[in-house]
N, C-alpha and C. Protein backbone atom coordinates (compact mmCIF):
# COMPACT_ATOMS: atom_id res chain seq x y z
N UNK A 1 127.80 121.90 135.94
CA UNK A 1 126.58 121.12 135.92
C UNK A 1 125.48 121.84 135.14
N UNK A 2 125.37 123.15 135.36
CA UNK A 2 124.36 123.94 134.67
C UNK A 2 124.58 123.89 133.15
N UNK A 3 125.87 123.90 132.72
CA UNK A 3 126.19 123.86 131.29
C UNK A 3 125.77 122.52 130.68
N UNK A 4 125.94 121.43 131.41
CA UNK A 4 125.57 120.11 130.91
C UNK A 4 124.06 120.02 130.73
N UNK A 5 123.31 120.50 131.71
CA UNK A 5 121.85 120.47 131.63
C UNK A 5 121.38 121.34 130.46
N UNK A 6 121.99 122.50 130.31
CA UNK A 6 121.63 123.39 129.20
C UNK A 6 121.91 122.72 127.87
N UNK A 7 123.07 122.07 127.75
CA UNK A 7 123.44 121.39 126.51
C UNK A 7 122.47 120.24 126.21
N UNK A 8 122.11 119.46 127.21
CA UNK A 8 121.16 118.36 127.03
C UNK A 8 119.81 118.89 126.59
N UNK A 9 119.32 119.94 127.22
CA UNK A 9 118.03 120.53 126.85
C UNK A 9 118.06 121.08 125.43
N UNK A 10 119.18 121.69 125.06
CA UNK A 10 119.33 122.22 123.71
C UNK A 10 119.30 121.09 122.68
N UNK A 11 120.01 120.00 122.96
CA UNK A 11 120.01 118.85 122.06
C UNK A 11 118.61 118.23 121.94
N UNK A 12 117.91 118.13 123.07
CA UNK A 12 116.54 117.60 123.04
C UNK A 12 115.62 118.49 122.22
N UNK A 13 115.77 119.80 122.35
CA UNK A 13 114.95 120.74 121.58
C UNK A 13 115.22 120.58 120.09
N UNK A 14 116.47 120.43 119.70
CA UNK A 14 116.83 120.26 118.29
C UNK A 14 116.25 118.96 117.75
N UNK A 15 116.40 117.89 118.49
CA UNK A 15 115.89 116.58 118.06
C UNK A 15 114.37 116.59 117.96
N UNK A 16 113.69 117.19 118.92
CA UNK A 16 112.22 117.19 118.91
C UNK A 16 111.66 118.07 117.80
N UNK A 17 112.42 119.07 117.37
CA UNK A 17 111.96 119.96 116.30
C UNK A 17 112.30 119.43 114.91
N UNK A 18 113.09 118.37 114.87
CA UNK A 18 113.48 117.80 113.58
C UNK A 18 112.24 117.31 112.85
N UNK A 19 112.14 117.65 111.61
CA UNK A 19 111.00 117.28 110.79
C UNK A 19 111.00 115.77 110.57
N UNK A 20 109.88 115.14 110.82
CA UNK A 20 109.77 113.71 110.60
C UNK A 20 109.64 113.46 109.10
N UNK A 21 110.48 112.58 108.58
CA UNK A 21 110.43 112.30 107.16
C UNK A 21 109.31 111.30 106.85
N UNK A 22 108.61 111.55 105.76
CA UNK A 22 107.57 110.61 105.35
C UNK A 22 108.23 109.49 104.55
N UNK A 23 107.66 108.28 104.62
CA UNK A 23 108.26 107.18 103.87
C UNK A 23 108.20 107.47 102.37
N UNK A 24 109.25 107.08 101.68
CA UNK A 24 109.29 107.31 100.24
C UNK A 24 108.35 106.35 99.54
N UNK A 25 107.70 106.86 98.55
CA UNK A 25 106.74 106.08 97.76
C UNK A 25 107.31 105.90 96.35
N UNK A 26 108.51 105.36 96.27
CA UNK A 26 109.21 105.24 94.99
C UNK A 26 108.48 104.34 93.99
N UNK A 27 107.86 103.28 94.46
CA UNK A 27 107.20 102.35 93.53
C UNK A 27 106.02 103.00 92.83
N UNK A 28 105.19 103.69 93.57
CA UNK A 28 104.04 104.33 92.94
C UNK A 28 104.49 105.53 92.09
N UNK A 29 105.57 106.20 92.49
CA UNK A 29 106.10 107.30 91.67
C UNK A 29 106.53 106.79 90.31
N UNK A 30 107.05 105.56 90.27
CA UNK A 30 107.48 104.97 89.00
C UNK A 30 106.31 104.71 88.06
N UNK A 31 105.09 104.75 88.59
CA UNK A 31 103.89 104.52 87.77
C UNK A 31 103.20 105.82 87.36
N UNK A 32 103.83 106.97 87.62
CA UNK A 32 103.23 108.27 87.28
C UNK A 32 102.80 108.37 85.82
N UNK A 33 103.50 107.67 84.94
CA UNK A 33 103.17 107.74 83.51
C UNK A 33 101.79 107.18 83.20
N UNK A 34 101.19 106.42 84.13
CA UNK A 34 99.83 105.90 83.92
C UNK A 34 98.77 106.99 84.00
N UNK A 35 99.05 108.07 84.73
CA UNK A 35 98.05 109.10 84.98
C UNK A 35 97.58 109.73 83.67
N UNK A 36 96.26 109.78 83.53
CA UNK A 36 95.66 110.36 82.33
C UNK A 36 94.57 109.45 81.79
N UNK A 37 94.11 109.79 80.59
CA UNK A 37 93.05 109.02 79.93
C UNK A 37 93.64 108.25 78.76
N UNK A 38 93.36 106.95 78.70
CA UNK A 38 93.88 106.06 77.67
C UNK A 38 92.70 105.43 76.93
N UNK A 39 92.89 105.19 75.63
CA UNK A 39 91.77 104.69 74.84
C UNK A 39 92.23 103.71 73.77
N UNK A 40 91.39 102.70 73.52
CA UNK A 40 91.60 101.74 72.44
C UNK A 40 90.27 101.63 71.69
N UNK A 41 90.24 102.11 70.45
CA UNK A 41 89.02 102.09 69.65
C UNK A 41 89.15 100.99 68.60
N UNK A 42 88.18 100.06 68.60
CA UNK A 42 88.15 98.97 67.63
C UNK A 42 86.73 98.85 67.06
N UNK A 43 86.55 98.08 66.00
CA UNK A 43 85.18 97.87 65.50
C UNK A 43 84.27 97.21 66.54
N UNK A 44 84.85 96.48 67.50
CA UNK A 44 84.06 95.82 68.54
C UNK A 44 83.60 96.77 69.63
N UNK A 45 84.24 97.93 69.74
CA UNK A 45 83.88 98.90 70.77
C UNK A 45 85.07 99.72 71.22
N UNK A 46 84.87 100.49 72.28
CA UNK A 46 85.92 101.39 72.78
C UNK A 46 86.24 101.04 74.24
N UNK A 47 87.52 100.79 74.46
CA UNK A 47 88.02 100.56 75.81
C UNK A 47 88.67 101.86 76.28
N UNK A 48 88.24 102.35 77.44
CA UNK A 48 88.79 103.57 78.02
C UNK A 48 89.26 103.27 79.44
N UNK A 49 90.45 103.75 79.75
CA UNK A 49 90.97 103.60 81.11
C UNK A 49 91.48 104.98 81.54
N UNK A 50 91.06 105.41 82.71
CA UNK A 50 91.43 106.73 83.22
C UNK A 50 92.08 106.56 84.59
N UNK A 51 93.22 107.23 84.78
CA UNK A 51 93.96 107.19 86.05
C UNK A 51 94.13 108.59 86.60
N UNK A 52 93.87 108.75 87.91
CA UNK A 52 94.05 110.01 88.62
C UNK A 52 94.89 109.77 89.86
N UNK A 53 95.72 110.76 90.20
CA UNK A 53 96.52 110.68 91.42
C UNK A 53 95.68 111.22 92.57
N UNK A 54 95.45 110.41 93.59
CA UNK A 54 94.69 110.82 94.76
C UNK A 54 95.62 111.51 95.75
N UNK A 55 96.76 110.87 96.01
CA UNK A 55 97.79 111.44 96.89
C UNK A 55 99.11 110.76 96.58
N UNK A 56 100.13 110.94 97.42
CA UNK A 56 101.46 110.39 97.10
C UNK A 56 101.55 108.87 97.22
N UNK A 57 100.50 108.21 97.68
CA UNK A 57 100.54 106.75 97.79
C UNK A 57 99.38 106.04 97.09
N UNK A 58 98.47 106.80 96.46
CA UNK A 58 97.28 106.19 95.87
C UNK A 58 96.91 106.81 94.52
N UNK A 59 96.67 105.94 93.55
CA UNK A 59 96.09 106.33 92.27
C UNK A 59 94.73 105.66 92.17
N UNK A 60 93.77 106.35 91.58
CA UNK A 60 92.43 105.79 91.37
C UNK A 60 92.22 105.66 89.87
N UNK A 61 91.73 104.50 89.45
CA UNK A 61 91.50 104.27 88.03
C UNK A 61 90.11 103.72 87.77
N UNK A 62 89.68 103.89 86.52
CA UNK A 62 88.44 103.26 86.08
C UNK A 62 88.66 102.76 84.66
N UNK A 63 88.02 101.66 84.35
CA UNK A 63 88.16 101.06 83.04
C UNK A 63 86.77 100.61 82.58
N UNK A 64 86.44 100.96 81.35
CA UNK A 64 85.15 100.50 80.83
C UNK A 64 85.24 100.25 79.34
N UNK A 65 84.41 99.30 78.89
CA UNK A 65 84.34 98.94 77.48
C UNK A 65 82.92 99.21 77.02
N UNK A 66 82.80 100.05 75.99
CA UNK A 66 81.48 100.43 75.48
C UNK A 66 81.33 99.93 74.05
N UNK A 67 80.23 99.26 73.80
CA UNK A 67 79.89 98.80 72.46
C UNK A 67 78.57 99.47 72.09
N UNK A 68 78.64 100.39 71.12
CA UNK A 68 77.45 101.17 70.78
C UNK A 68 77.11 102.06 71.95
N UNK A 69 75.92 101.85 72.51
CA UNK A 69 75.50 102.63 73.68
C UNK A 69 75.53 101.80 74.97
N UNK A 70 76.01 100.56 74.86
CA UNK A 70 76.01 99.65 76.00
C UNK A 70 77.38 99.56 76.66
N UNK A 71 77.40 99.63 77.98
CA UNK A 71 78.62 99.40 78.74
C UNK A 71 78.72 97.90 78.98
N UNK A 72 79.68 97.26 78.34
CA UNK A 72 79.85 95.80 78.42
C UNK A 72 80.65 95.42 79.66
N UNK A 73 81.61 96.25 80.02
CA UNK A 73 82.51 95.95 81.14
C UNK A 73 82.82 97.25 81.88
N UNK A 74 82.81 97.19 83.21
CA UNK A 74 83.18 98.35 84.02
C UNK A 74 83.91 97.88 85.26
N UNK A 75 85.04 98.52 85.56
CA UNK A 75 85.76 98.22 86.79
C UNK A 75 86.41 99.47 87.35
N UNK A 76 86.58 99.46 88.66
CA UNK A 76 87.33 100.52 89.32
C UNK A 76 88.61 99.90 89.86
N UNK A 77 89.65 100.70 89.89
CA UNK A 77 90.97 100.20 90.27
C UNK A 77 91.60 101.18 91.26
N UNK A 78 92.23 100.65 92.28
CA UNK A 78 93.02 101.46 93.19
C UNK A 78 94.43 100.91 93.17
N UNK A 79 95.37 101.76 92.85
CA UNK A 79 96.78 101.41 92.90
C UNK A 79 97.31 102.08 94.15
N UNK A 80 97.78 101.27 95.12
CA UNK A 80 98.14 101.85 96.42
C UNK A 80 99.43 101.26 96.94
N UNK A 81 100.30 102.16 97.44
CA UNK A 81 101.54 101.72 98.07
C UNK A 81 101.42 101.88 99.57
N UNK A 82 101.61 100.77 100.28
CA UNK A 82 101.67 100.76 101.74
C UNK A 82 103.02 100.18 102.12
N UNK A 83 103.85 101.01 102.71
CA UNK A 83 105.21 100.58 103.01
C UNK A 83 105.94 100.32 101.70
N UNK A 84 106.50 99.14 101.56
CA UNK A 84 107.21 98.78 100.34
C UNK A 84 106.34 98.01 99.36
N UNK A 85 105.07 97.78 99.69
CA UNK A 85 104.19 96.95 98.87
C UNK A 85 103.26 97.82 98.03
N UNK A 86 103.29 97.59 96.70
CA UNK A 86 102.39 98.27 95.78
C UNK A 86 101.35 97.26 95.32
N UNK A 87 100.08 97.61 95.50
CA UNK A 87 98.98 96.69 95.20
C UNK A 87 98.01 97.30 94.21
N UNK A 88 97.57 96.48 93.27
CA UNK A 88 96.58 96.82 92.25
C UNK A 88 95.29 96.15 92.71
N UNK A 89 94.29 96.93 93.09
CA UNK A 89 93.02 96.40 93.60
C UNK A 89 91.93 96.68 92.57
N UNK A 90 91.41 95.62 91.95
CA UNK A 90 90.40 95.76 90.90
C UNK A 90 89.04 95.29 91.40
N UNK A 91 88.03 96.14 91.19
CA UNK A 91 86.65 95.77 91.51
C UNK A 91 85.86 95.80 90.21
N UNK A 92 85.41 94.61 89.79
CA UNK A 92 84.66 94.49 88.54
C UNK A 92 83.18 94.33 88.88
N UNK A 93 82.40 95.20 88.29
CA UNK A 93 80.95 95.18 88.55
C UNK A 93 80.38 93.83 88.15
N UNK A 94 79.66 93.20 89.10
CA UNK A 94 79.03 91.91 88.84
C UNK A 94 79.92 90.70 89.05
N UNK A 95 81.15 90.90 89.51
CA UNK A 95 82.05 89.78 89.76
C UNK A 95 82.55 89.83 91.20
N UNK A 96 82.84 88.66 91.77
CA UNK A 96 83.43 88.55 93.10
C UNK A 96 82.61 89.33 94.14
N UNK A 97 81.28 89.25 94.01
CA UNK A 97 80.37 89.98 94.91
C UNK A 97 80.70 91.47 94.99
N UNK A 98 81.18 92.02 93.88
CA UNK A 98 81.58 93.43 93.80
C UNK A 98 82.66 93.80 94.82
N UNK A 99 83.45 92.81 95.23
CA UNK A 99 84.58 93.02 96.15
C UNK A 99 85.86 93.17 95.33
N UNK A 100 86.81 93.95 95.83
CA UNK A 100 88.09 94.14 95.15
C UNK A 100 88.93 92.87 95.20
N UNK A 101 89.68 92.63 94.12
CA UNK A 101 90.65 91.55 94.06
C UNK A 101 92.02 92.20 94.02
N UNK A 102 92.91 91.78 94.91
CA UNK A 102 94.24 92.40 95.04
C UNK A 102 95.28 91.63 94.24
N UNK A 103 96.11 92.39 93.52
CA UNK A 103 97.25 91.86 92.77
C UNK A 103 98.48 92.61 93.27
N UNK A 104 99.52 91.87 93.68
CA UNK A 104 100.73 92.51 94.20
C UNK A 104 101.74 92.73 93.09
N UNK A 105 102.45 93.86 93.19
CA UNK A 105 103.50 94.16 92.24
C UNK A 105 104.60 93.12 92.36
N UNK A 106 104.96 92.50 91.21
CA UNK A 106 106.03 91.50 91.23
C UNK A 106 107.21 91.91 90.36
N UNK A 107 106.99 92.89 89.47
CA UNK A 107 108.09 93.36 88.64
C UNK A 107 107.87 94.84 88.31
N UNK A 108 108.91 95.63 88.50
CA UNK A 108 108.84 97.07 88.24
C UNK A 108 110.07 97.48 87.45
N UNK A 109 109.82 98.10 86.29
CA UNK A 109 110.90 98.68 85.51
C UNK A 109 110.51 100.11 85.17
N UNK A 110 111.40 100.81 84.51
CA UNK A 110 111.11 102.19 84.11
C UNK A 110 109.89 102.27 83.19
N UNK A 111 109.67 101.20 82.41
CA UNK A 111 108.59 101.21 81.43
C UNK A 111 107.54 100.13 81.68
N UNK A 112 107.56 99.50 82.83
CA UNK A 112 106.59 98.44 83.02
C UNK A 112 106.25 98.12 84.46
N UNK A 113 105.03 97.62 84.63
CA UNK A 113 104.51 97.18 85.92
C UNK A 113 103.86 95.82 85.72
N UNK A 114 104.16 94.88 86.58
CA UNK A 114 103.54 93.56 86.52
C UNK A 114 102.98 93.23 87.90
N UNK A 115 101.69 92.87 87.93
CA UNK A 115 101.00 92.52 89.17
C UNK A 115 100.51 91.09 89.06
N UNK A 116 100.62 90.33 90.16
CA UNK A 116 100.22 88.93 90.16
C UNK A 116 99.30 88.60 91.33
N UNK A 117 98.39 87.67 91.06
CA UNK A 117 97.58 87.03 92.09
C UNK A 117 97.32 85.61 91.61
N UNK A 118 98.22 84.66 91.95
CA UNK A 118 98.09 83.29 91.45
C UNK A 118 96.84 82.57 91.95
N UNK A 119 96.18 83.08 92.98
CA UNK A 119 94.98 82.42 93.51
C UNK A 119 93.70 82.88 92.82
N UNK A 120 93.78 83.94 92.02
CA UNK A 120 92.58 84.45 91.35
C UNK A 120 92.22 83.55 90.17
N UNK A 121 90.91 83.42 89.89
CA UNK A 121 90.50 82.52 88.80
C UNK A 121 91.04 82.99 87.45
N UNK A 122 90.78 84.21 87.06
CA UNK A 122 91.32 84.80 85.84
C UNK A 122 91.05 86.29 85.86
N UNK A 123 92.02 87.08 85.53
CA UNK A 123 93.41 86.76 85.22
C UNK A 123 94.22 86.56 86.49
N UNK A 124 95.40 85.97 86.33
CA UNK A 124 96.32 85.86 87.45
C UNK A 124 97.43 86.92 87.36
N UNK A 125 97.57 87.51 86.17
CA UNK A 125 98.62 88.51 85.95
C UNK A 125 98.03 89.70 85.18
N UNK A 126 98.41 90.90 85.61
CA UNK A 126 98.03 92.14 84.93
C UNK A 126 99.31 92.94 84.73
N UNK A 127 99.54 93.37 83.49
CA UNK A 127 100.75 94.15 83.25
C UNK A 127 100.46 95.36 82.38
N UNK A 128 101.26 96.39 82.62
CA UNK A 128 101.20 97.63 81.84
C UNK A 128 102.62 97.90 81.35
N UNK A 129 102.74 98.18 80.05
CA UNK A 129 104.03 98.49 79.47
C UNK A 129 103.92 99.82 78.73
N UNK A 130 104.81 100.74 79.08
CA UNK A 130 104.85 102.05 78.41
C UNK A 130 105.49 101.85 77.04
N UNK A 131 104.75 102.23 76.01
CA UNK A 131 105.23 102.10 74.64
C UNK A 131 105.60 103.48 74.11
N UNK A 132 106.07 103.55 72.88
CA UNK A 132 106.42 104.82 72.25
C UNK A 132 105.16 105.58 71.84
N UNK A 133 105.34 106.85 71.53
CA UNK A 133 104.27 107.70 70.99
C UNK A 133 103.03 107.77 71.86
N UNK A 134 103.22 108.04 73.16
CA UNK A 134 102.08 108.19 74.09
C UNK A 134 101.12 107.02 74.06
N UNK A 135 101.66 105.82 74.06
CA UNK A 135 100.80 104.64 74.09
C UNK A 135 101.28 103.67 75.17
N UNK A 136 100.40 102.79 75.55
CA UNK A 136 100.74 101.74 76.50
C UNK A 136 100.07 100.45 76.08
N UNK A 137 100.65 99.35 76.54
CA UNK A 137 100.07 98.04 76.30
C UNK A 137 99.63 97.49 77.65
N UNK A 138 98.36 97.18 77.75
CA UNK A 138 97.83 96.53 78.95
C UNK A 138 97.58 95.08 78.59
N UNK A 139 97.95 94.19 79.49
CA UNK A 139 97.76 92.76 79.22
C UNK A 139 97.27 92.06 80.46
N UNK A 140 96.28 91.21 80.27
CA UNK A 140 95.84 90.31 81.34
C UNK A 140 96.12 88.90 80.85
N UNK A 141 96.55 88.03 81.77
CA UNK A 141 96.89 86.67 81.37
C UNK A 141 96.77 85.71 82.54
N UNK A 142 96.82 84.44 82.19
CA UNK A 142 96.74 83.39 83.20
C UNK A 142 96.14 82.13 82.60
N UNK A 143 95.66 81.29 83.47
CA UNK A 143 95.01 80.05 83.07
C UNK A 143 93.51 80.28 83.15
N UNK A 144 92.84 80.02 82.02
CA UNK A 144 91.38 80.17 81.94
C UNK A 144 90.81 78.90 81.35
N UNK A 145 89.88 78.29 82.06
CA UNK A 145 89.27 77.02 81.65
C UNK A 145 90.34 75.96 81.37
N UNK A 146 91.39 75.96 82.22
CA UNK A 146 92.44 74.95 82.13
C UNK A 146 93.49 75.20 81.06
N UNK A 147 93.41 76.32 80.33
CA UNK A 147 94.36 76.60 79.26
C UNK A 147 94.96 77.99 79.43
N UNK A 148 96.23 78.16 78.99
CA UNK A 148 96.83 79.49 79.03
C UNK A 148 96.05 80.46 78.15
N UNK A 149 95.87 81.67 78.66
CA UNK A 149 95.10 82.67 77.93
C UNK A 149 95.70 84.05 78.20
N UNK A 150 95.60 84.94 77.20
CA UNK A 150 96.01 86.32 77.43
C UNK A 150 95.25 87.24 76.48
N UNK A 151 95.07 88.45 76.93
CA UNK A 151 94.41 89.48 76.14
C UNK A 151 95.28 90.74 76.24
N UNK A 152 95.57 91.33 75.08
CA UNK A 152 96.42 92.53 75.03
C UNK A 152 95.61 93.68 74.45
N UNK A 153 95.86 94.87 75.02
CA UNK A 153 95.17 96.08 74.57
C UNK A 153 96.20 97.18 74.40
N UNK A 154 96.32 97.71 73.19
CA UNK A 154 97.18 98.84 72.94
C UNK A 154 96.34 100.09 73.06
N UNK A 155 96.71 100.97 73.98
CA UNK A 155 95.93 102.18 74.24
C UNK A 155 96.77 103.42 73.99
N UNK A 156 96.11 104.47 73.52
CA UNK A 156 96.75 105.74 73.24
C UNK A 156 96.25 106.78 74.24
N UNK A 157 97.18 107.63 74.68
CA UNK A 157 96.82 108.67 75.64
C UNK A 157 96.02 109.76 74.94
N UNK A 158 94.92 110.17 75.57
CA UNK A 158 94.03 111.20 75.00
C UNK A 158 94.17 112.49 75.76
């Protein structure tokens, strides 16, 4: 009887000391290539997007478009994985009462991320595609004023 109790206590001690595994964040890990500073310079102005890793489940981004000395567009972005869901949360200054709009990941490949929110006015889709030579293509698309619309930005890593 003493041996059985000792064996049970030993097994309980081993189980209780077992390291608890953290959930894998594979989806956000697949987006690691976004981290850094990206830029698109045109005669109309400069678009800059910067991504930083906050922790193993969250990236923080900012995007702004500057024309001359004026900031025409500014937004903050949080890319966050909770469980199996990866969400792109964009807050655009002066829009949506400065509240974040959430887009859920709908397609993930080695070189691309696609986020959708069919209920948002515009855009309904945001995608990032890893291109050659340290560049990426960002695209927003959807229905705007009753017609299909899309805007593409080719950015280079700085």
